Amino acid sequence: MTKMLVNLTTPVVLAEIEEVLSNYPDYPYHKVFANPDMRQELVAYVLTRVQSIYSTCDADQSEEQQGFHNGRVCSMQAEASIPMIIHEGILELLKEFSDPAQIPEECDAGLTPSHWFG
């Protein structure tokens, strides 16, 4: 039977990124990290700074059969440091990759021409 290597830390990081970004204002943070490439950069930033936990499983098992969502996949200390690393990554990536001209400006939807004409 074929075995598959699975990073158990990635789903934790993805969920934490969603949680942390939900506390940031829509503009410019959600606009920038809605871009899949920037989101992947953030995931990579975090995963390179936390200790990842791996497991092997049968390639034909579903996630539920693998039981990855049961129990801890990170130490409590590592799990507590993930949000801090995400905050650092957000600021670092905005500074490094974001060109202010590329961030769409926030505008009042009531001022768009389509709103004027129905």
N, C-alpha and C. Protein backbone atom coordinates (compact mmCIF):
# COMPACT_ATOMS: atom_id res chain seq x y z
N MET A 1 0.84 -1.18 0.00
CA MET A 1 0.00 0.00 0.00
C MET A 1 0.89 1.25 0.00
N THR A 2 0.51 2.26 -0.76
CA THR A 2 1.29 3.48 -0.90
C THR A 2 1.08 4.39 0.31
N LYS A 3 2.17 4.89 0.82
CA LYS A 3 2.12 5.82 1.96
C LYS A 3 2.28 7.25 1.45
N MET A 4 1.69 8.17 2.20
CA MET A 4 1.74 9.58 1.84
C MET A 4 2.23 10.37 3.06
N LEU A 5 3.10 11.35 2.83
CA LEU A 5 3.60 12.21 3.89
C LEU A 5 2.70 13.44 3.96
N VAL A 6 2.21 13.76 5.16
CA VAL A 6 1.26 14.85 5.34
C VAL A 6 1.81 15.83 6.38
N ASN A 7 1.79 17.12 6.04
CA ASN A 7 2.19 18.16 6.99
C ASN A 7 0.96 18.50 7.82
N LEU A 8 0.98 18.17 9.10
CA LEU A 8 -0.16 18.41 9.98
C LEU A 8 -0.24 19.86 10.44
N THR A 9 0.83 20.61 10.28
CA THR A 9 0.86 22.00 10.74
C THR A 9 0.16 22.93 9.76
N THR A 10 0.16 22.61 8.48
CA THR A 10 -0.41 23.50 7.47
C THR A 10 -1.87 23.85 7.73
N PRO A 11 -2.75 22.89 8.03
CA PRO A 11 -4.14 23.29 8.30
C PRO A 11 -4.29 24.21 9.51
N VAL A 12 -3.43 24.02 10.51
CA VAL A 12 -3.46 24.89 11.69
C VAL A 12 -3.06 26.31 11.29
N VAL A 13 -2.02 26.42 10.48
CA VAL A 13 -1.53 27.73 10.03
C VAL A 13 -2.59 28.41 9.16
N LEU A 14 -3.21 27.67 8.25
CA LEU A 14 -4.24 28.25 7.39
C LEU A 14 -5.41 28.79 8.21
N ALA A 15 -5.84 28.04 9.21
CA ALA A 15 -6.94 28.48 10.06
C ALA A 15 -6.54 29.71 10.87
N GLU A 16 -5.32 29.73 11.38
CA GLU A 16 -4.85 30.88 12.15
C GLU A 16 -4.73 32.13 11.29
N ILE A 17 -4.29 31.97 10.04
CA ILE A 17 -4.20 33.11 9.13
C ILE A 17 -5.58 33.72 8.92
N GLU A 18 -6.58 32.87 8.70
CA GLU A 18 -7.95 33.37 8.55
C GLU A 18 -8.39 34.13 9.79
N GLU A 19 -8.10 33.58 10.94
CA GLU A 19 -8.50 34.21 12.21
C GLU A 19 -7.80 35.55 12.39
N VAL A 20 -6.50 35.59 12.16
CA VAL A 20 -5.74 36.83 12.35
C VAL A 20 -6.19 37.88 11.34
N LEU A 21 -6.34 37.51 10.08
CA LEU A 21 -6.76 38.49 9.07
C LEU A 21 -8.16 39.02 9.33
N SER A 22 -9.00 38.23 9.98
CA SER A 22 -10.36 38.69 10.27
C SER A 22 -10.35 39.87 11.24
N ASN A 23 -9.27 40.03 11.98
CA ASN A 23 -9.15 41.15 12.93
C ASN A 23 -8.53 42.39 12.31
N TYR A 24 -8.07 42.29 11.06
CA TYR A 24 -7.48 43.42 10.36
C TYR A 24 -8.56 44.12 9.54
N PRO A 25 -8.38 45.41 9.28
CA PRO A 25 -9.35 46.12 8.44
C PRO A 25 -9.31 45.60 7.00
N ASP A 26 -10.44 45.74 6.34
CA ASP A 26 -10.56 45.25 4.97
C ASP A 26 -9.51 45.88 4.06
N TYR A 27 -9.34 47.18 4.20
CA TYR A 27 -8.38 47.88 3.36
C TYR A 27 -7.18 48.26 4.20
N PRO A 28 -5.99 47.95 3.80
CA PRO A 28 -5.54 47.28 2.59
C PRO A 28 -5.29 45.79 2.78
N TYR A 29 -5.39 45.29 4.03
CA TYR A 29 -4.95 43.94 4.35
C TYR A 29 -5.73 42.86 3.60
N HIS A 30 -7.05 42.90 3.65
CA HIS A 30 -7.84 41.87 2.97
C HIS A 30 -7.67 41.98 1.45
N LYS A 31 -7.52 43.21 0.96
CA LYS A 31 -7.33 43.41 -0.48
C LYS A 31 -6.02 42.77 -0.95
N VAL A 32 -4.97 42.98 -0.19
CA VAL A 32 -3.66 42.45 -0.57
C VAL A 32 -3.63 40.93 -0.44
N PHE A 33 -4.13 40.40 0.68
CA PHE A 33 -4.04 38.97 0.92
C PHE A 33 -5.18 38.17 0.30
N ALA A 34 -6.05 38.84 -0.44
CA ALA A 34 -7.03 38.13 -1.27
C ALA A 34 -6.34 37.57 -2.51
N ASN A 35 -5.20 38.15 -2.85
CA ASN A 35 -4.39 37.67 -3.96
C ASN A 35 -3.79 36.32 -3.55
N PRO A 36 -4.06 35.24 -4.32
CA PRO A 36 -3.57 33.91 -3.94
C PRO A 36 -2.05 33.83 -3.81
N ASP A 37 -1.33 34.59 -4.62
CA ASP A 37 0.13 34.56 -4.52
C ASP A 37 0.61 35.17 -3.21
N MET A 38 -0.01 36.28 -2.81
CA MET A 38 0.37 36.90 -1.54
C MET A 38 -0.03 36.01 -0.36
N ARG A 39 -1.18 35.36 -0.47
CA ARG A 39 -1.63 34.45 0.59
C ARG A 39 -0.62 33.31 0.73
N GLN A 40 -0.15 32.75 -0.39
CA GLN A 40 0.83 31.66 -0.35
C GLN A 40 2.15 32.15 0.24
N GLU A 41 2.53 33.38 -0.08
CA GLU A 41 3.75 33.95 0.51
C GLU A 41 3.63 34.01 2.03
N LEU A 42 2.45 34.39 2.51
CA LEU A 42 2.23 34.46 3.96
C LEU A 42 2.28 33.07 4.59
N VAL A 43 1.65 32.10 3.95
CA VAL A 43 1.69 30.72 4.46
C VAL A 43 3.13 30.23 4.51
N ALA A 44 3.88 30.48 3.44
CA ALA A 44 5.29 30.05 3.41
C ALA A 44 6.10 30.76 4.48
N TYR A 45 5.85 32.05 4.66
CA TYR A 45 6.55 32.82 5.70
C TYR A 45 6.36 32.17 7.07
N VAL A 46 5.12 31.83 7.38
CA VAL A 46 4.81 31.24 8.69
C VAL A 46 5.40 29.83 8.81
N LEU A 47 5.19 29.01 7.79
CA LEU A 47 5.65 27.61 7.88
C LEU A 47 7.17 27.49 7.99
N THR A 48 7.91 28.47 7.45
CA THR A 48 9.37 28.42 7.57
C THR A 48 9.85 28.85 8.95
N ARG A 49 8.94 29.39 9.76
CA ARG A 49 9.32 29.88 11.08
C ARG A 49 8.73 29.08 12.24
N VAL A 50 7.94 28.08 11.95
CA VAL A 50 7.39 27.21 13.00
C VAL A 50 7.85 25.78 12.75
N GLN A 51 7.89 25.02 13.81
CA GLN A 51 8.24 23.61 13.68
C GLN A 51 7.03 22.86 13.14
N SER A 52 7.21 22.24 11.98
CA SER A 52 6.11 21.49 11.38
C SER A 52 6.11 20.05 11.86
N ILE A 53 4.92 19.51 11.99
CA ILE A 53 4.73 18.12 12.40
C ILE A 53 4.24 17.35 11.18
N TYR A 54 4.84 16.21 10.93
CA TYR A 54 4.48 15.40 9.78
C TYR A 54 3.99 14.04 10.24
N SER A 55 3.19 13.42 9.38
CA SER A 55 2.71 12.07 9.65
C SER A 55 2.63 11.33 8.32
N THR A 56 2.65 10.03 8.41
CA THR A 56 2.42 9.22 7.21
C THR A 56 1.07 8.55 7.33
N CYS A 57 0.47 8.31 6.19
CA CYS A 57 -0.82 7.63 6.17
C CYS A 57 -0.95 6.91 4.84
N ASP A 58 -1.94 6.05 4.75
CA ASP A 58 -2.21 5.39 3.49
C ASP A 58 -2.75 6.41 2.51
N ALA A 59 -2.30 6.38 1.28
CA ALA A 59 -2.68 7.36 0.28
C ALA A 59 -4.17 7.32 -0.04
N ASP A 60 -4.82 6.18 0.16
CA ASP A 60 -6.23 6.08 -0.21
C ASP A 60 -7.18 6.40 0.95
N GLN A 61 -6.66 6.83 2.11
CA GLN A 61 -7.51 7.19 3.24
C GLN A 61 -8.05 8.61 3.08
N SER A 62 -9.27 8.82 3.55
CA SER A 62 -9.83 10.18 3.57
C SER A 62 -9.30 10.89 4.80
N GLU A 63 -9.50 12.21 4.87
CA GLU A 63 -9.05 12.98 6.03
C GLU A 63 -9.67 12.49 7.32
N GLU A 64 -10.95 12.13 7.26
CA GLU A 64 -11.63 11.66 8.46
C GLU A 64 -11.02 10.35 8.95
N GLN A 65 -10.68 9.46 8.02
CA GLN A 65 -10.08 8.19 8.40
C GLN A 65 -8.67 8.39 8.96
N GLN A 66 -7.97 9.41 8.46
CA GLN A 66 -6.62 9.66 8.91
C GLN A 66 -6.61 10.18 10.35
N GLY A 67 -7.69 10.84 10.75
CA GLY A 67 -7.79 11.33 12.12
C GLY A 67 -6.90 12.51 12.43
N PHE A 68 -6.59 13.34 11.44
CA PHE A 68 -5.70 14.47 11.66
C PHE A 68 -6.32 15.54 12.55
N HIS A 69 -7.62 15.61 12.62
CA HIS A 69 -8.24 16.68 13.38
C HIS A 69 -8.47 16.29 14.84
N ASN A 70 -8.02 15.13 15.22
CA ASN A 70 -8.16 14.69 16.61
C ASN A 70 -6.87 14.97 17.35
N GLY A 71 -6.93 15.71 18.43
CA GLY A 71 -5.75 15.98 19.23
C GLY A 71 -4.92 17.12 18.69
N ARG A 72 -3.85 17.43 19.40
CA ARG A 72 -2.95 18.52 19.03
C ARG A 72 -2.00 18.08 17.93
N VAL A 73 -1.73 19.02 17.02
CA VAL A 73 -0.73 18.75 16.00
C VAL A 73 0.50 19.63 16.21
N CYS A 74 0.43 20.55 17.17
CA CYS A 74 1.55 21.42 17.52
C CYS A 74 1.67 21.46 19.04
N SER A 75 2.85 21.80 19.50
CA SER A 75 2.98 22.02 20.94
C SER A 75 2.22 23.30 21.28
N MET A 76 1.84 23.44 22.54
CA MET A 76 1.10 24.64 22.95
C MET A 76 1.93 25.89 22.73
N GLN A 77 3.23 25.79 22.95
CA GLN A 77 4.12 26.94 22.75
C GLN A 77 4.17 27.32 21.27
N ALA A 78 4.29 26.32 20.39
CA ALA A 78 4.33 26.59 18.96
C ALA A 78 3.01 27.17 18.48
N GLU A 79 1.91 26.61 18.98
CA GLU A 79 0.58 27.09 18.58
C GLU A 79 0.37 28.53 19.04
N ALA A 80 0.88 28.88 20.20
CA ALA A 80 0.74 30.25 20.71
C ALA A 80 1.59 31.24 19.92
N SER A 81 2.69 30.78 19.35
CA SER A 81 3.57 31.69 18.60
C SER A 81 3.09 31.92 17.16
N ILE A 82 2.21 31.08 16.66
CA ILE A 82 1.78 31.21 15.26
C ILE A 82 1.11 32.55 14.98
N PRO A 83 0.15 33.03 15.80
CA PRO A 83 -0.45 34.34 15.50
C PRO A 83 0.57 35.48 15.47
N MET A 84 1.54 35.45 16.37
CA MET A 84 2.57 36.49 16.38
C MET A 84 3.38 36.45 15.08
N ILE A 85 3.72 35.26 14.63
CA ILE A 85 4.48 35.12 13.39
C ILE A 85 3.64 35.58 12.20
N ILE A 86 2.34 35.32 12.23
CA ILE A 86 1.46 35.76 11.16
C ILE A 86 1.43 37.30 11.11
N HIS A 87 1.30 37.94 12.27
CA HIS A 87 1.32 39.41 12.31
C HIS A 87 2.62 39.95 11.73
N GLU A 88 3.74 39.35 12.12
CA GLU A 88 5.04 39.76 11.58
C GLU A 88 5.07 39.57 10.07
N GLY A 89 4.57 38.43 9.61
CA GLY A 89 4.57 38.13 8.18
C GLY A 89 3.72 39.10 7.39
N ILE A 90 2.57 39.45 7.91
CA ILE A 90 1.70 40.40 7.22
C ILE A 90 2.43 41.73 7.03
N LEU A 91 3.03 42.23 8.09
CA LEU A 91 3.73 43.51 7.99
C LEU A 91 4.94 43.42 7.07
N GLU A 92 5.69 42.34 7.20
CA GLU A 92 6.90 42.15 6.38
C GLU A 92 6.55 42.04 4.90
N LEU A 93 5.54 41.24 4.60
CA LEU A 93 5.17 41.04 3.19
C LEU A 93 4.56 42.30 2.58
N LEU A 94 3.79 43.04 3.35
CA LEU A 94 3.26 44.30 2.85
C LEU A 94 4.39 45.25 2.51
N LYS A 95 5.40 45.29 3.38
CA LYS A 95 6.54 46.18 3.16
C LYS A 95 7.38 45.69 1.97
N GLU A 96 7.58 44.39 1.87
CA GLU A 96 8.47 43.82 0.86
C GLU A 96 7.86 43.75 -0.54
N PHE A 97 6.63 43.28 -0.65
CA PHE A 97 6.05 42.98 -1.95
C PHE A 97 5.00 43.98 -2.44
N SER A 98 4.46 44.74 -1.55
CA SER A 98 3.32 45.55 -1.93
C SER A 98 3.75 46.90 -2.46
N ASP A 99 3.34 47.17 -3.67
CA ASP A 99 3.51 48.48 -4.27
C ASP A 99 2.22 49.25 -4.00
N PRO A 100 2.30 50.40 -3.34
CA PRO A 100 1.06 51.12 -3.03
C PRO A 100 0.17 51.36 -4.26
N ALA A 101 0.76 51.45 -5.42
CA ALA A 101 -0.03 51.66 -6.64
C ALA A 101 -0.84 50.42 -7.00
N GLN A 102 -0.44 49.24 -6.50
CA GLN A 102 -1.13 48.00 -6.83
C GLN A 102 -2.30 47.71 -5.89
N ILE A 103 -2.36 48.39 -4.76
CA ILE A 103 -3.46 48.17 -3.81
C ILE A 103 -4.64 49.01 -4.29
N PRO A 104 -5.76 48.37 -4.59
CA PRO A 104 -6.90 49.16 -5.04
C PRO A 104 -7.36 50.12 -3.96
N GLU A 105 -7.66 51.34 -4.37
CA GLU A 105 -8.10 52.32 -3.39
C GLU A 105 -9.51 52.03 -2.95
N GLU A 106 -9.75 52.30 -1.68
CA GLU A 106 -11.09 52.12 -1.13
C GLU A 106 -11.94 53.29 -1.60
N CYS A 107 -13.12 52.99 -2.10
CA CYS A 107 -13.98 54.07 -2.58
C CYS A 107 -15.39 53.88 -2.04
N ASP A 108 -16.15 54.93 -2.09
CA ASP A 108 -17.53 54.90 -1.64
C ASP A 108 -18.38 54.32 -2.76
N ALA A 109 -19.06 53.20 -2.50
CA ALA A 109 -19.87 52.54 -3.53
C ALA A 109 -20.99 53.44 -4.04
N GLY A 110 -21.42 54.39 -3.24
CA GLY A 110 -22.48 55.31 -3.66
C GLY A 110 -22.04 56.30 -4.71
N LEU A 111 -20.73 56.40 -4.94
CA LEU A 111 -20.22 57.34 -5.93
C LEU A 111 -19.91 56.70 -7.27
N THR A 112 -20.10 55.41 -7.41
CA THR A 112 -19.81 54.75 -8.68
C THR A 112 -20.90 55.07 -9.70
N PRO A 113 -20.52 55.26 -10.97
CA PRO A 113 -21.50 55.62 -11.99
C PRO A 113 -22.67 54.65 -12.10
N SER A 114 -22.42 53.35 -11.92
CA SER A 114 -23.53 52.39 -12.04
C SER A 114 -24.60 52.66 -10.99
N HIS A 115 -24.20 53.18 -9.85
CA HIS A 115 -25.15 53.50 -8.79
C HIS A 115 -25.99 54.74 -9.18
N TRP A 116 -25.35 55.67 -9.90
CA TRP A 116 -26.05 56.89 -10.29
C TRP A 116 -27.18 56.58 -11.28
N PHE A 117 -26.92 55.62 -12.18
CA PHE A 117 -27.86 55.34 -13.27
C PHE A 117 -28.74 54.12 -13.01
N GLY A 118 -28.65 53.56 -11.83
CA GLY A 118 -29.53 52.45 -11.49
C GLY A 118 -28.99 51.19 -11.89
